[in-house]
Amino acid sequence: YYDRLTVNGRAYSGTTGPVNVAVAAGSTITWYSDGSVTRPGFTICSALPPVFSVTTSTPSGACVTTSSGTCFTDGASNHANNERCAIRVLVATTLRVPEFNTE
C-alpha cells in the first residue's frame, strides 16, 4: 500500500480524498506515509469547530490541527516519509477536503 488516510475503515490515497464522508464523534482517522515518494499531502476540514484533535504524530508535528481545530493537515509542504498520525473526531461531522494529493 502507498500513503493512505483511513476514515471509517476505508483507505484513501492518490488524489481521491474522503469528500463528504460522515464521521462519528469518538472515531479516529489515521494517516500513514510509506518510505518512498512524497507529495503535497492533505488538509481535511469540518464546518464545525473544534472538531479534530491530533492524538498521535510521528515524527512530532507531522500532523497538526489548524483553524482552531476545524481542520487538520500534514503540513504546508510535501509530507515526509514514514509519518504516522491519529486524529480524534470530537464532534460528529461531514468531511470537507480542500487538498488531497498523496502517493
PDB file of N, CA and C in Angstrom:
ATOM      1  N   TYR A   1       0.836  -1.187   0.000  1.00  0.00           N
ATOM      2  CA  TYR A   1       0.000   0.000   0.000  1.00  0.00           C
ATOM      3  C   TYR A   1       0.871   1.237   0.000  1.00  0.00           C
ATOM      4  N   TYR A   2       0.399   2.272  -0.628  1.00  0.00           N
ATOM      5  CA  TYR A   2       1.107   3.546  -0.644  1.00  0.00           C
ATOM      6  C   TYR A   2       0.682   4.361   0.573  1.00  0.00           C
ATOM      7  N   ASP A   3       0.944   5.661   0.534  1.00  0.00           N
ATOM      8  CA  ASP A   3       0.475   6.550   1.593  1.00  0.00           C
ATOM      9  C   ASP A   3      -1.044   6.439   1.675  1.00  0.00           C
ATOM     10  N   ARG A   4      -1.581   6.534   2.887  1.00  0.00           N
ATOM     11  CA  ARG A   4      -3.039   6.405   2.998  1.00  0.00           C
ATOM     12  C   ARG A   4      -3.589   7.119   4.234  1.00  0.00           C
ATOM     13  N   LEU A   5      -4.765   7.680   4.034  1.00  0.00           N
ATOM     14  CA  LEU A   5      -5.556   8.259   5.108  1.00  0.00           C
ATOM     15  C   LEU A   5      -6.748   7.328   5.271  1.00  0.00           C
ATOM     16  N   THR A   6      -6.973   6.819   6.467  1.00  0.00           N
ATOM     17  CA  THR A   6      -8.052   5.858   6.684  1.00  0.00           C
ATOM     18  C   THR A   6      -9.166   6.506   7.498  1.00  0.00           C
ATOM     19  N   VAL A   7     -10.371   6.469   6.933  1.00  0.00           N
ATOM     20  CA  VAL A   7     -11.565   7.044   7.549  1.00  0.00           C
ATOM     21  C   VAL A   7     -12.657   5.992   7.525  1.00  0.00           C
ATOM     22  N   ASN A   8     -13.242   5.698   8.674  1.00  0.00           N
ATOM     23  CA  ASN A   8     -14.316   4.698   8.768  1.00  0.00           C
ATOM     24  C   ASN A   8     -13.909   3.356   8.158  1.00  0.00           C
ATOM     25  N   GLY A   9     -12.624   2.998   8.306  1.00  0.00           N
ATOM     26  CA  GLY A   9     -12.138   1.725   7.799  1.00  0.00           C
ATOM     27  C   GLY A   9     -11.797   1.714   6.319  1.00  0.00           C
ATOM     28  N   ARG A  10     -11.995   2.805   5.608  1.00  0.00           N
ATOM     29  CA  ARG A  10     -11.676   2.877   4.184  1.00  0.00           C
ATOM     30  C   ARG A  10     -10.415   3.702   3.984  1.00  0.00           C
ATOM     31  N   ALA A  11      -9.490   3.175   3.182  1.00  0.00           N
ATOM     32  CA  ALA A  11      -8.232   3.873   2.898  1.00  0.00           C
ATOM     33  C   ALA A  11      -8.376   4.753   1.667  1.00  0.00           C
ATOM     34  N   TYR A  12      -7.848   5.976   1.759  1.00  0.00           N
ATOM     35  CA  TYR A  12      -7.849   6.934   0.658  1.00  0.00           C
ATOM     36  C   TYR A  12      -6.401   7.265   0.314  1.00  0.00           C
ATOM     37  N   SER A  13      -6.093   7.311  -0.985  1.00  0.00           N
ATOM     38  CA  SER A  13      -4.742   7.667  -1.421  1.00  0.00           C
ATOM     39  C   SER A  13      -4.819   8.293  -2.801  1.00  0.00           C
ATOM     40  N   GLY A  14      -3.677   8.739  -3.295  1.00  0.00           N
ATOM     41  CA  GLY A  14      -3.667   9.412  -4.593  1.00  0.00           C
ATOM     42  C   GLY A  14      -4.303  10.786  -4.471  1.00  0.00           C
ATOM     43  N   THR A  15      -5.248  11.084  -5.361  1.00  0.00           N
ATOM     44  CA  THR A  15      -5.920  12.383  -5.326  1.00  0.00           C
ATOM     45  C   THR A  15      -7.395  12.264  -4.960  1.00  0.00           C
ATOM     46  N   THR A  16      -7.792  11.085  -4.490  1.00  0.00           N
ATOM     47  CA  THR A  16      -9.184  10.858  -4.094  1.00  0.00           C
ATOM     48  C   THR A  16      -9.283  10.820  -2.576  1.00  0.00           C
ATOM     49  N   GLY A  17      -9.740  11.930  -1.983  1.00  0.00           N
ATOM     50  CA  GLY A  17      -9.865  12.018  -0.535  1.00  0.00           C
ATOM     51  C   GLY A  17     -11.277  11.744  -0.071  1.00  0.00           C
ATOM     52  N   PRO A  18     -11.504  11.764   1.235  1.00  0.00           N
ATOM     53  CA  PRO A  18     -12.808  11.438   1.819  1.00  0.00           C
ATOM     54  C   PRO A  18     -13.813  12.593   1.749  1.00  0.00           C
ATOM     55  N   VAL A  19     -14.166  13.006   0.548  1.00  0.00           N
ATOM     56  CA  VAL A  19     -15.071  14.139   0.336  1.00  0.00           C
ATOM     57  C   VAL A  19     -16.488  13.775   0.785  1.00  0.00           C
ATOM     58  N   ASN A  20     -17.068  14.620   1.624  1.00  0.00           N
ATOM     59  CA  ASN A  20     -18.436  14.446   2.122  1.00  0.00           C
ATOM     60  C   ASN A  20     -18.671  13.133   2.869  1.00  0.00           C
ATOM     61  N   VAL A  21     -17.635  12.596   3.485  1.00  0.00           N
ATOM     62  CA  VAL A  21     -17.764  11.386   4.299  1.00  0.00           C
ATOM     63  C   VAL A  21     -18.170  11.799   5.714  1.00  0.00           C
ATOM     64  N   ALA A  22     -19.208  11.171   6.236  1.00  0.00           N
ATOM     65  CA  ALA A  22     -19.660  11.448   7.603  1.00  0.00           C
ATOM     66  C   ALA A  22     -18.806  10.652   8.590  1.00  0.00           C
ATOM     67  N   VAL A  23     -18.397  11.299   9.678  1.00  0.00           N
ATOM     68  CA  VAL A  23     -17.634  10.632  10.732  1.00  0.00           C
ATOM     69  C   VAL A  23     -18.326  10.871  12.072  1.00  0.00           C
ATOM     70  N   ALA A  24     -18.268   9.865  12.920  1.00  0.00           N
ATOM     71  CA  ALA A  24     -18.929   9.931  14.224  1.00  0.00           C
ATOM     72  C   ALA A  24     -18.005  10.518  15.276  1.00  0.00           C
ATOM     73  N   ALA A  25     -18.594  11.151  16.270  1.00  0.00           N
ATOM     74  CA  ALA A  25     -17.830  11.618  17.426  1.00  0.00           C
ATOM     75  C   ALA A  25     -17.164  10.416  18.083  1.00  0.00           C
ATOM     76  N   GLY A  26     -15.912  10.570  18.454  1.00  0.00           N
ATOM     77  CA  GLY A  26     -15.171   9.490  19.099  1.00  0.00           C
ATOM     78  C   GLY A  26     -14.418   8.599  18.136  1.00  0.00           C
ATOM     79  N   SER A  27     -14.641   8.743  16.834  1.00  0.00           N
ATOM     80  CA  SER A  27     -13.913   7.918  15.869  1.00  0.00           C
ATOM     81  C   SER A  27     -12.509   8.471  15.660  1.00  0.00           C
ATOM     82  N   THR A  28     -11.647   7.654  15.067  1.00  0.00           N
ATOM     83  CA  THR A  28     -10.262   8.030  14.826  1.00  0.00           C
ATOM     84  C   THR A  28      -9.947   7.923  13.341  1.00  0.00           C
ATOM     85  N   ILE A  29      -9.310   8.943  12.805  1.00  0.00           N
ATOM     86  CA  ILE A  29      -8.815   8.970  11.431  1.00  0.00           C
ATOM     87  C   ILE A  29      -7.310   8.752  11.517  1.00  0.00           C
ATOM     88  N   THR A  30      -6.751   7.888  10.673  1.00  0.00           N
ATOM     89  CA  THR A  30      -5.315   7.629  10.725  1.00  0.00           C
ATOM     90  C   THR A  30      -4.633   8.001   9.415  1.00  0.00           C
ATOM     91  N   TRP A  31      -3.386   8.408   9.529  1.00  0.00           N
ATOM     92  CA  TRP A  31      -2.539   8.752   8.387  1.00  0.00           C
ATOM     93  C   TRP A  31      -1.263   7.943   8.466  1.00  0.00           C
ATOM     94  N   TYR A  32      -0.855   7.392   7.328  1.00  0.00           N
ATOM     95  CA  TYR A  32       0.372   6.613   7.218  1.00  0.00           C
ATOM     96  C   TYR A  32       1.046   6.980   5.907  1.00  0.00           C
ATOM     97  N   SER A  33       2.312   7.348   5.946  1.00  0.00           N
ATOM     98  CA  SER A  33       3.072   7.520   4.707  1.00  0.00           C
ATOM     99  C   SER A  33       4.180   6.480   4.681  1.00  0.00           C
ATOM    100  N   ASP A  34       4.430   5.940   3.493  1.00  0.00           N
ATOM    101  CA  ASP A  34       5.453   4.909   3.368  1.00  0.00           C
ATOM    102  C   ASP A  34       6.840   5.554   3.245  1.00  0.00           C
ATOM    103  N   GLY A  35       7.808   4.807   2.792  1.00  0.00           N
ATOM    104  CA  GLY A  35       9.183   5.294   2.770  1.00  0.00           C
ATOM    105  C   GLY A  35       9.671   5.745   1.415  1.00  0.00           C
ATOM    106  N   SER A  36       8.765   6.064   0.485  1.00  0.00           N
ATOM    107  CA  SER A  36       9.244   6.451  -0.841  1.00  0.00           C
ATOM    108  C   SER A  36       8.759   7.846  -1.235  1.00  0.00           C
ATOM    109  N   VAL A  37       7.927   7.954  -2.236  1.00  0.00           N
ATOM    110  CA  VAL A  37       7.518   9.224  -2.842  1.00  0.00           C
ATOM    111  C   VAL A  37       6.761  10.113  -1.855  1.00  0.00           C
ATOM    112  N   THR A  38       7.039  11.423  -1.891  1.00  0.00           N
ATOM    113  CA  THR A  38       6.268  12.379  -1.108  1.00  0.00           C
ATOM    114  C   THR A  38       5.531  13.313  -2.059  1.00  0.00           C
ATOM    115  N   ARG A  39       4.377  13.777  -1.609  1.00  0.00           N
ATOM    116  CA  ARG A  39       3.535  14.673  -2.413  1.00  0.00           C
ATOM    117  C   ARG A  39       3.035  15.807  -1.516  1.00  0.00           C
ATOM    118  N   PRO A  40       2.233  16.752  -2.067  1.00  0.00           N
ATOM    119  CA  PRO A  40       1.773  17.890  -1.257  1.00  0.00           C
ATOM    120  C   PRO A  40       0.971  17.515  -0.018  1.00  0.00           C
ATOM    121  N   GLY A  41       0.302  16.368  -0.001  1.00  0.00           N
ATOM    122  CA  GLY A  41      -0.380  15.923   1.205  1.00  0.00           C
ATOM    123  C   GLY A  41      -1.842  16.298   1.248  1.00  0.00           C
ATOM    124  N   PHE A  42      -2.340  16.632   2.448  1.00  0.00           N
ATOM    125  CA  PHE A  42      -3.778  16.820   2.603  1.00  0.00           C
ATOM    126  C   PHE A  42      -4.120  17.873   3.637  1.00  0.00           C
ATOM    127  N   THR A  43      -5.314  18.403   3.488  1.00  0.00           N
ATOM    128  CA  THR A  43      -5.980  19.201   4.505  1.00  0.00           C
ATOM    129  C   THR A  43      -7.416  18.712   4.543  1.00  0.00           C
ATOM    130  N   ILE A  44      -7.886  18.338   5.709  1.00  0.00           N
ATOM    131  CA  ILE A  44      -9.248  17.843   5.906  1.00  0.00           C
ATOM    132  C   ILE A  44      -9.934  18.786   6.886  1.00  0.00           C
ATOM    133  N   CYS A  45     -11.173  19.191   6.572  1.00  0.00           N
ATOM    134  CA  CYS A  45     -11.863  20.180   7.401  1.00  0.00           C
ATOM    135  C   CYS A  45     -13.297  19.760   7.722  1.00  0.00           C
ATOM    136  N   SER A  46     -13.904  20.535   8.611  1.00  0.00           N
ATOM    137  CA  SER A  46     -15.297  20.395   9.002  1.00  0.00           C
ATOM    138  C   SER A  46     -15.905  21.791   9.069  1.00  0.00           C
ATOM    139  N   ALA A  47     -17.206  21.855   8.971  1.00  0.00           N
ATOM    140  CA  ALA A  47     -17.878  23.153   9.110  1.00  0.00           C
ATOM    141  C   ALA A  47     -17.989  23.578  10.572  1.00  0.00           C
ATOM    142  N   LEU A  48     -17.775  22.655  11.501  1.00  0.00           N
ATOM    143  CA  LEU A  48     -17.955  22.920  12.931  1.00  0.00           C
ATOM    144  C   LEU A  48     -16.621  22.964  13.666  1.00  0.00           C
ATOM    145  N   PRO A  49     -16.315  24.015  14.412  1.00  0.00           N
ATOM    146  CA  PRO A  49     -15.110  23.990  15.240  1.00  0.00           C
ATOM    147  C   PRO A  49     -15.460  23.740  16.698  1.00  0.00           C
ATOM    148  N   PRO A  50     -14.588  23.283  17.540  1.00  0.00           N
ATOM    149  CA  PRO A  50     -13.433  22.475  17.175  1.00  0.00           C
ATOM    150  C   PRO A  50     -13.881  21.025  17.010  1.00  0.00           C
ATOM    151  N   VAL A  51     -13.390  20.376  16.008  1.00  0.00           N
ATOM    152  CA  VAL A  51     -13.830  19.019  15.691  1.00  0.00           C
ATOM    153  C   VAL A  51     -12.715  17.993  15.818  1.00  0.00           C
ATOM    154  N   PHE A  52     -11.459  18.401  15.566  1.00  0.00           N
ATOM    155  CA  PHE A  52     -10.366  17.440  15.487  1.00  0.00           C
ATOM    156  C   PHE A  52      -9.312  17.682  16.565  1.00  0.00           C
ATOM    157  N   SER A  53      -8.708  16.589  17.015  1.00  0.00           N
ATOM    158  CA  SER A  53      -7.599  16.640  17.952  1.00  0.00           C
ATOM    159  C   SER A  53      -6.567  15.610  17.509  1.00  0.00           C
ATOM    160  N   VAL A  54      -5.334  16.032  17.276  1.00  0.00           N
ATOM    161  CA  VAL A  54      -4.271  15.108  16.901  1.00  0.00           C
ATOM    162  C   VAL A  54      -3.816  14.394  18.166  1.00  0.00           C
ATOM    163  N   THR A  55      -3.984  13.067  18.213  1.00  0.00           N
ATOM    164  CA  THR A  55      -3.609  12.306  19.410  1.00  0.00           C
ATOM    165  C   THR A  55      -2.249  11.639  19.276  1.00  0.00           C
ATOM    166  N   THR A  56      -1.817  11.341  18.044  1.00  0.00           N
ATOM    167  CA  THR A  56      -0.507  10.751  17.795  1.00  0.00           C
ATOM    168  C   THR A  56       0.073  11.404  16.554  1.00  0.00           C
ATOM    169  N   SER A  57       1.343  11.789  16.613  1.00  0.00           N
ATOM    170  CA  SER A  57       2.006  12.381  15.459  1.00  0.00           C
ATOM    171  C   SER A  57       3.473  12.009  15.496  1.00  0.00           C
ATOM    172  N   THR A  58       3.883  11.132  14.564  1.00  0.00           N
ATOM    173  CA  THR A  58       5.271  10.687  14.483  1.00  0.00           C
ATOM    174  C   THR A  58       5.777  10.945  13.080  1.00  0.00           C
ATOM    175  N   PRO A  59       6.844  11.713  12.914  1.00  0.00           N
ATOM    176  CA  PRO A  59       7.535  12.463  13.962  1.00  0.00           C
ATOM    177  C   PRO A  59       6.652  13.579  14.509  1.00  0.00           C
ATOM    178  N   SER A  60       7.078  14.161  15.591  1.00  0.00           N
ATOM    179  CA  SER A  60       6.312  15.228  16.222  1.00  0.00           C
ATOM    180  C   SER A  60       6.029  16.330  15.210  1.00  0.00           C
ATOM    181  N   GLY A  61       4.781  16.776  15.149  1.00  0.00           N
ATOM    182  CA  GLY A  61       4.395  17.833  14.222  1.00  0.00           C
ATOM    183  C   GLY A  61       4.050  17.358  12.826  1.00  0.00           C
ATOM    184  N   ALA A  62       4.082  16.040  12.582  1.00  0.00           N
ATOM    185  CA  ALA A  62       3.747  15.518  11.247  1.00  0.00           C
ATOM    186  C   ALA A  62       2.314  15.867  10.878  1.00  0.00           C
ATOM    187  N   CYS A  63       1.409  15.845  11.847  1.00  0.00           N
ATOM    188  CA  CYS A  63       0.022  16.253  11.637  1.00  0.00           C
ATOM    189  C   CYS A  63      -0.338  17.286  12.695  1.00  0.00           C
ATOM    190  N   VAL A  64      -1.057  18.304  12.288  1.00  0.00           N
ATOM    191  CA  VAL A  64      -1.450  19.364  13.207  1.00  0.00           C
ATOM    192  C   VAL A  64      -2.879  19.799  12.904  1.00  0.00           C
ATOM    193  N   THR A  65      -3.542  20.373  13.916  1.00  0.00           N
ATOM    194  CA  THR A  65      -4.841  20.982  13.676  1.00  0.00           C
ATOM    195  C   THR A  65      -4.619  22.442  13.315  1.00  0.00           C
ATOM    196  N   THR A  66      -5.543  22.985  12.538  1.00  0.00           N
ATOM    197  CA  THR A  66      -5.491  24.391  12.148  1.00  0.00           C
ATOM    198  C   THR A  66      -6.876  24.991  12.324  1.00  0.00           C
ATOM    199  N   SER A  67      -6.970  26.285  12.199  1.00  0.00           N
ATOM    200  CA  SER A  67      -8.260  26.993  12.275  1.00  0.00           C
ATOM    201  C   SER A  67      -9.032  26.608  13.527  1.00  0.00           C
ATOM    202  N   SER A  68      -8.360  26.617  14.671  1.00  0.00           N
ATOM    203  CA  SER A  68      -8.968  26.305  15.973  1.00  0.00           C
ATOM    204  C   SER A  68      -9.597  24.918  16.007  1.00  0.00           C
ATOM    205  N   GLY A  69      -8.967  23.958  15.351  1.00  0.00           N
ATOM    206  CA  GLY A  69      -9.464  22.583  15.382  1.00  0.00           C
ATOM    207  C   GLY A  69     -10.501  22.269  14.327  1.00  0.00           C
ATOM    208  N   THR A  70     -10.762  23.219  13.424  1.00  0.00           N
ATOM    209  CA  THR A  70     -11.720  22.989  12.347  1.00  0.00           C
ATOM    210  C   THR A  70     -11.116  22.119  11.250  1.00  0.00           C
ATOM    211  N   CYS A  71      -9.787  22.152  11.103  1.00  0.00           N
ATOM    212  CA  CYS A  71      -9.092  21.376  10.076  1.00  0.00           C
ATOM    213  C   CYS A  71      -7.916  20.628  10.699  1.00  0.00           C
ATOM    214  N   PHE A  72      -7.445  19.596   9.993  1.00  0.00           N
ATOM    215  CA  PHE A  72      -6.158  19.003  10.310  1.00  0.00           C
ATOM    216  C   PHE A  72      -5.414  18.796   9.006  1.00  0.00           C
ATOM    217  N   THR A  73      -4.079  18.841   9.096  1.00  0.00           N
ATOM    218  CA  THR A  73      -3.248  18.777   7.904  1.00  0.00           C
ATOM    219  C   THR A  73      -1.940  18.070   8.217  1.00  0.00           C
ATOM    220  N   ASP A  74      -1.273  17.622   7.162  1.00  0.00           N
ATOM    221  CA  ASP A  74       0.059  17.057   7.329  1.00  0.00           C
ATOM    222  C   ASP A  74       1.136  18.103   7.069  1.00  0.00           C
ATOM    223  N   GLY A  75       0.754  19.363   6.984  1.00  0.00           N
ATOM    224  CA  GLY A  75       1.726  20.445   6.860  1.00  0.00           C
ATOM    225  C   GLY A  75       1.579  21.233   5.574  1.00  0.00           C
ATOM    226  N   ALA A  76       2.361  22.310   5.470  1.00  0.00           N
ATOM    227  CA  ALA A  76       2.229  23.240   4.361  1.00  0.00           C
ATOM    228  C   ALA A  76       2.977  22.791   3.105  1.00  0.00           C
ATOM    229  N   SER A  77       3.943  21.904   3.246  1.00  0.00           N
ATOM    230  CA  SER A  77       4.700  21.442   2.084  1.00  0.00           C
ATOM    231  C   SER A  77       4.514  19.934   1.942  1.00  0.00           C
ATOM    232  N   ASN A  78       5.307  19.310   1.092  1.00  0.00           N
ATOM    233  CA  ASN A  78       5.178  17.866   0.912  1.00  0.00           C
ATOM    234  C   ASN A  78       5.297  17.129   2.244  1.00  0.00           C
ATOM    235  N   HIS A  79       4.469  16.096   2.415  1.00  0.00           N
ATOM    236  CA  HIS A  79       4.588  15.279   3.622  1.00  0.00           C
ATOM    237  C   HIS A  79       5.914  14.530   3.601  1.00  0.00           C
ATOM    238  N   ALA A  80       6.367  14.091   4.748  1.00  0.00           N
ATOM    239  CA  ALA A  80       7.614  13.346   4.853  1.00  0.00           C
ATOM    240  C   ALA A  80       7.353  11.850   4.687  1.00  0.00           C
ATOM    241  N   ASN A  81       8.411  11.088   4.578  1.00  0.00           N
ATOM    242  CA  ASN A  81       8.299   9.633   4.586  1.00  0.00           C
ATOM    243  C   ASN A  81       8.085   9.145   6.011  1.00  0.00           C
ATOM    244  N   ASN A  82       7.422   8.013   6.138  1.00  0.00           N
ATOM    245  CA  ASN A  82       7.243   7.313   7.416  1.00  0.00           C
ATOM    246  C   ASN A  82       6.534   8.128   8.485  1.00  0.00           C
ATOM    247  N   GLU A  83       5.527   8.903   8.086  1.00  0.00           N
ATOM    248  CA  GLU A  83       4.702   9.610   9.063  1.00  0.00           C
ATOM    249  C   GLU A  83       3.600   8.686   9.567  1.00  0.00           C
ATOM    250  N   ARG A  84       3.228   8.860  10.835  1.00  0.00           N
ATOM    251  CA  ARG A  84       2.133   8.115  11.451  1.00  0.00           C
ATOM    252  C   ARG A  84       1.340   9.098  12.297  1.00  0.00           C
ATOM    253  N   CYS A  85       0.027   9.204  12.046  1.00  0.00           N
ATOM    254  CA  CYS A  85      -0.791  10.118  12.823  1.00  0.00           C
ATOM    255  C   CYS A  85      -2.139   9.483  13.147  1.00  0.00           C
ATOM    256  N   ALA A  86      -2.687   9.877  14.280  1.00  0.00           N
ATOM    257  CA  ALA A  86      -4.052   9.522  14.651  1.00  0.00           C
ATOM    258  C   ALA A  86      -4.765  10.817  15.024  1.00  0.00           C
ATOM    259  N   ILE A  87      -5.931  11.014  14.427  1.00  0.00           N
ATOM    260  CA  ILE A  87      -6.705  12.233  14.647  1.00  0.00           C
ATOM    261  C   ILE A  87      -8.048  11.840  15.224  1.00  0.00           C
ATOM    262  N   ARG A  88      -8.364  12.351  16.382  1.00  0.00           N
ATOM    263  CA  ARG A  88      -9.623  12.029  17.065  1.00  0.00           C
ATOM    264  C   ARG A  88     -10.709  13.002  16.611  1.00  0.00           C
ATOM    265  N   VAL A  89     -11.882  12.451  16.279  1.00  0.00           N
ATOM    266  CA  VAL A  89     -13.035  13.273  15.899  1.00  0.00           C
ATOM    267  C   VAL A  89     -13.814  13.581  17.179  1.00  0.00           C
ATOM    268  N   LEU A  90     -13.930  14.847  17.528  1.00  0.00           N
ATOM    269  CA  LEU A  90     -14.566  15.250  18.782  1.00  0.00           C
ATOM    270  C   LEU A  90     -16.073  15.436  18.651  1.00  0.00           C
ATOM    271  N   VAL A  91     -16.540  15.811  17.448  1.00  0.00           N
ATOM    272  CA  VAL A  91     -17.953  16.086  17.192  1.00  0.00           C
ATOM    273  C   VAL A  91     -18.312  15.444  15.847  1.00  0.00           C
ATOM    274  N   ALA A  92     -19.451  14.765  15.776  1.00  0.00           N
ATOM    275  CA  ALA A  92     -19.876  14.177  14.502  1.00  0.00           C
ATOM    276  C   ALA A  92     -19.931  15.262  13.426  1.00  0.00           C
ATOM    277  N   THR A  93     -19.423  14.939  12.237  1.00  0.00           N
ATOM    278  CA  THR A  93     -19.358  15.931  11.165  1.00  0.00           C
ATOM    279  C   THR A  93     -19.269  15.245   9.820  1.00  0.00           C
ATOM    280  N   THR A  94     -19.310  16.040   8.773  1.00  0.00           N
ATOM    281  CA  THR A  94     -19.059  15.579   7.410  1.00  0.00           C
ATOM    282  C   THR A  94     -17.787  16.258   6.933  1.00  0.00           C
ATOM    283  N   LEU A  95     -16.885  15.474   6.355  1.00  0.00           N
ATOM    284  CA  LEU A  95     -15.570  15.984   5.993  1.00  0.00           C
ATOM    285  C   LEU A  95     -15.583  16.795   4.694  1.00  0.00           C
ATOM    286  N   ARG A  96     -14.844  17.902   4.706  1.00  0.00           N
ATOM    287  CA  ARG A  96     -14.540  18.685   3.509  1.00  0.00           C
ATOM    288  C   ARG A  96     -13.062  18.474   3.216  1.00  0.00           C
ATOM    289  N   VAL A  97     -12.690  18.468   1.951  1.00  0.00           N
ATOM    290  CA  VAL A  97     -11.315  18.161   1.569  1.00  0.00           C
ATOM    291  C   VAL A  97     -10.772  19.227   0.614  1.00  0.00           C
ATOM    292  N   PRO A  98     -10.231  20.337   1.163  1.00  0.00           N
ATOM    293  CA  PRO A  98      -9.683  21.360   0.281  1.00  0.00           C
ATOM    294  C   PRO A  98      -8.404  20.936  -0.451  1.00  0.00           C
ATOM    295  N   GLU A  99      -7.671  19.970   0.120  1.00  0.00           N
ATOM    296  CA  GLU A  99      -6.437  19.492  -0.521  1.00  0.00           C
ATOM    297  C   GLU A  99      -6.264  18.008  -0.228  1.00  0.00           C
ATOM    298  N   PHE A 100      -5.956  17.227  -1.283  1.00  0.00           N
ATOM    299  CA  PHE A 100      -5.631  15.813  -1.085  1.00  0.00           C
ATOM    300  C   PHE A 100      -4.785  15.350  -2.253  1.00  0.00           C
ATOM    301  N   ASN A 101      -3.500  15.113  -1.991  1.00  0.00           N
ATOM    302  CA  ASN A 101      -2.578  14.653  -3.020  1.00  0.00           C
ATOM    303  C   ASN A 101      -1.487  13.855  -2.348  1.00  0.00           C
ATOM    304  N   THR A 102      -1.686  12.538  -2.290  1.00  0.00           N
ATOM    305  CA  THR A 102      -0.716  11.636  -1.668  1.00  0.00           C
ATOM    306  C   THR A 102      -0.265  10.632  -2.724  1.00  0.00           C
ATOM    307  N   GLU A 103       0.660   9.770  -2.360  1.00  0.00           N
ATOM    308  CA  GLU A 103       1.139   8.755  -3.302  1.00  0.00           C
ATOM    309  C   GLU A 103       0.097   7.677  -3.497  1.00  0.00           C
TER     310      GLU A 103
END
